[in-house]
């Protein structure tokens, strides 16, 4: 396979990953609306097409209000890993990653049994982040 073919294949996989991730975001937003959760700013990083990043934002919000929004999203997911807080200069960043969220998996797709290392391609990871100044 030529280098240009490999590049085209990588682009096709990246585009497919992003489409799946945006579909997962739609499912996430539908469930969040039913749960009456406050909105977040969502991004899909280009370097990681299977990751959703939700950011608690709002210059008009107090730190206490931002923490409340973060905590409501934290409570929304039953199984969480990496619930952590880090300090960068004057900013505090809290983040968590939900685990085992079946409805974030890509529908109709699962990792081949002979390639468990590809399991990450068949799920969407979510990172929720709060930055306090």
C-alpha atoms as a PDB file:
ATOM      1  CA  UNK A   1       0.000   0.000   0.000  1.00  0.00           C
ATOM      2  CA  UNK A   2       1.401   3.388  -0.960  1.00  0.00           C
ATOM      3  CA  UNK A   3       1.940   6.273   1.442  1.00  0.00           C
ATOM      4  CA  UNK A   4      -0.859   8.245  -0.246  1.00  0.00           C
ATOM      5  CA  UNK A   5      -3.248   5.291   0.172  1.00  0.00           C
ATOM      6  CA  UNK A   6      -2.338   5.072   3.863  1.00  0.00           C
ATOM      7  CA  UNK A   7      -2.942   8.798   4.246  1.00  0.00           C
ATOM      8  CA  UNK A   8      -6.337   8.533   2.552  1.00  0.00           C
ATOM      9  CA  UNK A   9      -7.246   5.573   4.772  1.00  0.00           C
ATOM     10  CA  UNK A  10      -6.235   7.513   7.902  1.00  0.00           C
ATOM     11  CA  UNK A  11      -8.382  10.460   6.806  1.00  0.00           C
ATOM     12  CA  UNK A  12     -11.346   8.160   6.128  1.00  0.00           C
ATOM     13  CA  UNK A  13     -11.036   6.569   9.594  1.00  0.00           C
ATOM     14  CA  UNK A  14     -10.695   9.993  11.253  1.00  0.00           C
ATOM     15  CA  UNK A  15     -13.811  11.253   9.460  1.00  0.00           C
ATOM     16  CA  UNK A  16     -15.720   8.115  10.441  1.00  0.00           C
ATOM     17  CA  UNK A  17     -14.618   8.506  14.066  1.00  0.00           C
ATOM     18  CA  UNK A  18     -15.791  12.114  14.126  1.00  0.00           C
ATOM     19  CA  UNK A  19     -19.201  11.215  12.620  1.00  0.00           C
ATOM     20  CA  UNK A  20     -19.683   8.509  15.256  1.00  0.00           C
ATOM     21  CA  UNK A  21     -18.619  10.911  17.997  1.00  0.00           C
ATOM     22  CA  UNK A  22     -21.077  13.593  16.887  1.00  0.00           C
ATOM     23  CA  UNK A  23     -23.838  10.972  16.850  1.00  0.00           C
ATOM     24  CA  UNK A  24     -22.840  10.019  20.400  1.00  0.00           C
ATOM     25  CA  UNK A  25     -22.997  13.713  21.342  1.00  0.00           C
ATOM     26  CA  UNK A  26     -26.569  13.789  20.029  1.00  0.00           C
ATOM     27  CA  UNK A  27     -27.494  10.819  22.223  1.00  0.00           C
ATOM     28  CA  UNK A  28     -25.746  12.440  25.191  1.00  0.00           C
ATOM     29  CA  UNK A  29     -27.541  15.772  24.710  1.00  0.00           C
ATOM     30  CA  UNK A  30     -30.920  14.054  24.404  1.00  0.00           C
ATOM     31  CA  UNK A  31     -30.413  12.265  27.721  1.00  0.00           C
ATOM     32  CA  UNK A  32     -28.987  15.387  29.372  1.00  0.00           C
ATOM     33  CA  UNK A  33     -32.037  17.410  28.292  1.00  0.00           C
ATOM     34  CA  UNK A  34     -34.359  14.761  29.756  1.00  0.00           C
ATOM     35  CA  UNK A  35     -32.386  14.989  33.010  1.00  0.00           C
ATOM     36  CA  UNK A  36     -32.612  18.802  32.826  1.00  0.00           C
ATOM     37  CA  UNK A  37     -28.851  19.215  33.029  1.00  0.00           C
ATOM     38  CA  UNK A  38     -27.335  22.627  32.312  1.00  0.00           C
ATOM     39  CA  UNK A  39     -25.618  23.031  28.966  1.00  0.00           C
ATOM     40  CA  UNK A  40     -21.875  22.689  28.463  1.00  0.00           C
ATOM     41  CA  UNK A  41     -19.578  23.807  25.651  1.00  0.00           C
ATOM     42  CA  UNK A  42     -18.770  20.654  23.653  1.00  0.00           C
ATOM     43  CA  UNK A  43     -15.824  19.977  21.363  1.00  0.00           C
ATOM     44  CA  UNK A  44     -14.479  16.989  19.468  1.00  0.00           C
ATOM     45  CA  UNK A  45     -10.686  17.347  19.385  1.00  0.00           C
ATOM     46  CA  UNK A  46      -9.255  16.789  15.914  1.00  0.00           C
ATOM     47  CA  UNK A  47      -6.446  14.588  17.251  1.00  0.00           C
ATOM     48  CA  UNK A  48      -8.917  12.274  18.990  1.00  0.00           C
ATOM     49  CA  UNK A  49     -12.061  11.725  16.976  1.00  0.00           C
ATOM     50  CA  UNK A  50     -13.548   9.407  19.600  1.00  0.00           C
ATOM     51  CA  UNK A  51     -13.412  11.915  22.469  1.00  0.00           C
ATOM     52  CA  UNK A  52     -15.997  14.460  23.546  1.00  0.00           C
ATOM     53  CA  UNK A  53     -14.877  17.297  25.797  1.00  0.00           C
ATOM     54  CA  UNK A  54     -17.538  19.150  27.773  1.00  0.00           C
ATOM     55  CA  UNK A  55     -16.463  22.409  29.382  1.00  0.00           C
ATOM     56  CA  UNK A  56     -18.360  24.233  32.136  1.00  0.00           C
ATOM     57  CA  UNK A  57     -18.265  27.823  30.907  1.00  0.00           C
ATOM     58  CA  UNK A  58     -19.942  31.126  31.546  1.00  0.00           C
ATOM     59  CA  UNK A  59     -18.258  34.367  32.565  1.00  0.00           C
ATOM     60  CA  UNK A  60     -21.520  35.354  34.270  1.00  0.00           C
ATOM     61  CA  UNK A  61     -21.422  32.295  36.573  1.00  0.00           C
ATOM     62  CA  UNK A  62     -19.855  32.337  40.008  1.00  0.00           C
ATOM     63  CA  UNK A  63     -17.354  29.636  40.924  1.00  0.00           C
ATOM     64  CA  UNK A  64     -20.007  28.082  43.177  1.00  0.00           C
ATOM     65  CA  UNK A  65     -22.482  27.927  40.279  1.00  0.00           C
ATOM     66  CA  UNK A  66     -19.836  26.380  38.026  1.00  0.00           C
ATOM     67  CA  UNK A  67     -19.066  23.762  40.693  1.00  0.00           C
ATOM     68  CA  UNK A  68     -22.780  22.963  40.986  1.00  0.00           C
ATOM     69  CA  UNK A  69     -23.037  22.399  37.216  1.00  0.00           C
ATOM     70  CA  UNK A  70     -19.952  20.175  37.304  1.00  0.00           C
ATOM     71  CA  UNK A  71     -21.336  18.176  40.227  1.00  0.00           C
ATOM     72  CA  UNK A  72     -24.699  17.670  38.468  1.00  0.00           C
ATOM     73  CA  UNK A  73     -22.934  16.261  35.410  1.00  0.00           C
ATOM     74  CA  UNK A  74     -20.751  14.115  37.661  1.00  0.00           C
ATOM     75  CA  UNK A  75     -23.878  12.672  39.312  1.00  0.00           C
ATOM     76  CA  UNK A  76     -25.435  12.012  35.877  1.00  0.00           C
ATOM     77  CA  UNK A  77     -22.878   9.287  35.112  1.00  0.00           C
ATOM     78  CA  UNK A  78     -23.003   6.254  37.426  1.00  0.00           C
ATOM     79  CA  UNK A  79     -19.428   5.040  36.895  1.00  0.00           C
ATOM     80  CA  UNK A  80     -16.560   7.559  36.802  1.00  0.00           C
ATOM     81  CA  UNK A  81     -12.797   7.293  36.657  1.00  0.00           C
ATOM     82  CA  UNK A  82     -10.183  10.010  37.012  1.00  0.00           C
ATOM     83  CA  UNK A  83     -12.270  12.410  39.072  1.00  0.00           C
ATOM     84  CA  UNK A  84      -9.413  14.751  39.830  1.00  0.00           C
ATOM     85  CA  UNK A  85      -8.475  18.300  40.579  1.00  0.00           C
ATOM     86  CA  UNK A  86      -5.258  19.962  39.459  1.00  0.00           C
ATOM     87  CA  UNK A  87      -3.902  23.461  39.952  1.00  0.00           C
ATOM     88  CA  UNK A  88      -2.199  25.348  37.118  1.00  0.00           C
ATOM     89  CA  UNK A  89      -0.932  28.709  38.328  1.00  0.00           C
ATOM     90  CA  UNK A  90      -4.029  30.497  39.633  1.00  0.00           C
ATOM     91  CA  UNK A  91      -6.503  28.146  37.911  1.00  0.00           C
ATOM     92  CA  UNK A  92      -8.039  24.987  39.328  1.00  0.00           C
ATOM     93  CA  UNK A  93      -9.082  22.346  36.800  1.00  0.00           C
ATOM     94  CA  UNK A  94     -11.460  19.586  37.846  1.00  0.00           C
ATOM     95  CA  UNK A  95     -12.212  16.781  35.397  1.00  0.00           C
ATOM     96  CA  UNK A  96     -13.774  13.333  35.219  1.00  0.00           C
ATOM     97  CA  UNK A  97     -14.184  10.577  32.662  1.00  0.00           C
ATOM     98  CA  UNK A  98     -17.367   8.450  32.745  1.00  0.00           C
ATOM     99  CA  UNK A  99     -16.940   4.693  32.278  1.00  0.00           C
ATOM    100  CA  UNK A 100     -19.136   1.892  30.916  1.00  0.00           C
ATOM    101  CA  UNK A 101     -21.692   4.130  29.233  1.00  0.00           C
ATOM    102  CA  UNK A 102     -23.262   1.688  26.762  1.00  0.00           C
ATOM    103  CA  UNK A 103     -25.354   4.317  24.993  1.00  0.00           C
ATOM    104  CA  UNK A 104     -22.143   6.115  24.004  1.00  0.00           C
ATOM    105  CA  UNK A 105     -20.936   3.063  22.094  1.00  0.00           C
ATOM    106  CA  UNK A 106     -21.195   3.210  18.344  1.00  0.00           C
ATOM    107  CA  UNK A 107     -24.466   1.419  17.494  1.00  0.00           C
ATOM    108  CA  UNK A 108     -24.128  -1.880  15.689  1.00  0.00           C
ATOM    109  CA  UNK A 109     -20.371  -1.959  16.044  1.00  0.00           C
ATOM    110  CA  UNK A 110     -18.108  -3.815  18.393  1.00  0.00           C
ATOM    111  CA  UNK A 111     -14.438  -4.607  18.488  1.00  0.00           C
ATOM    112  CA  UNK A 112     -13.443  -7.854  16.787  1.00  0.00           C
ATOM    113  CA  UNK A 113     -12.804 -10.642  19.299  1.00  0.00           C
ATOM    114  CA  UNK A 114      -9.360 -11.211  17.816  1.00  0.00           C
ATOM    115  CA  UNK A 115      -8.406  -7.536  18.204  1.00  0.00           C
ATOM    116  CA  UNK A 116      -9.368  -6.342  21.704  1.00  0.00           C
ATOM    117  CA  UNK A 117      -6.837  -3.520  21.403  1.00  0.00           C
ATOM    118  CA  UNK A 118      -9.212  -1.904  18.900  1.00  0.00           C
ATOM    119  CA  UNK A 119     -12.018  -1.634  21.478  1.00  0.00           C
ATOM    120  CA  UNK A 120     -11.309   2.103  21.878  1.00  0.00           C
ATOM    121  CA  UNK A 121     -12.421   2.667  18.259  1.00  0.00           C
ATOM    122  CA  UNK A 122     -15.925   1.477  19.085  1.00  0.00           C
ATOM    123  CA  UNK A 123     -16.775   3.751  21.970  1.00  0.00           C
ATOM    124  CA  UNK A 124     -16.856   7.463  22.602  1.00  0.00           C
ATOM    125  CA  UNK A 125     -14.966   8.739  25.629  1.00  0.00           C
ATOM    126  CA  UNK A 126     -16.184  11.814  27.475  1.00  0.00           C
ATOM    127  CA  UNK A 127     -14.146  14.295  29.499  1.00  0.00           C
ATOM    128  CA  UNK A 128     -16.002  16.896  31.565  1.00  0.00           C
ATOM    129  CA  UNK A 129     -13.829  19.820  32.653  1.00  0.00           C
ATOM    130  CA  UNK A 130     -14.278  22.782  34.985  1.00  0.00           C
ATOM    131  CA  UNK A 131     -11.733  25.583  35.252  1.00  0.00           C
ATOM    132  CA  UNK A 132     -11.915  27.991  38.193  1.00  0.00           C
ATOM    133  CA  UNK A 133      -9.780  31.134  38.359  1.00  0.00           C
END
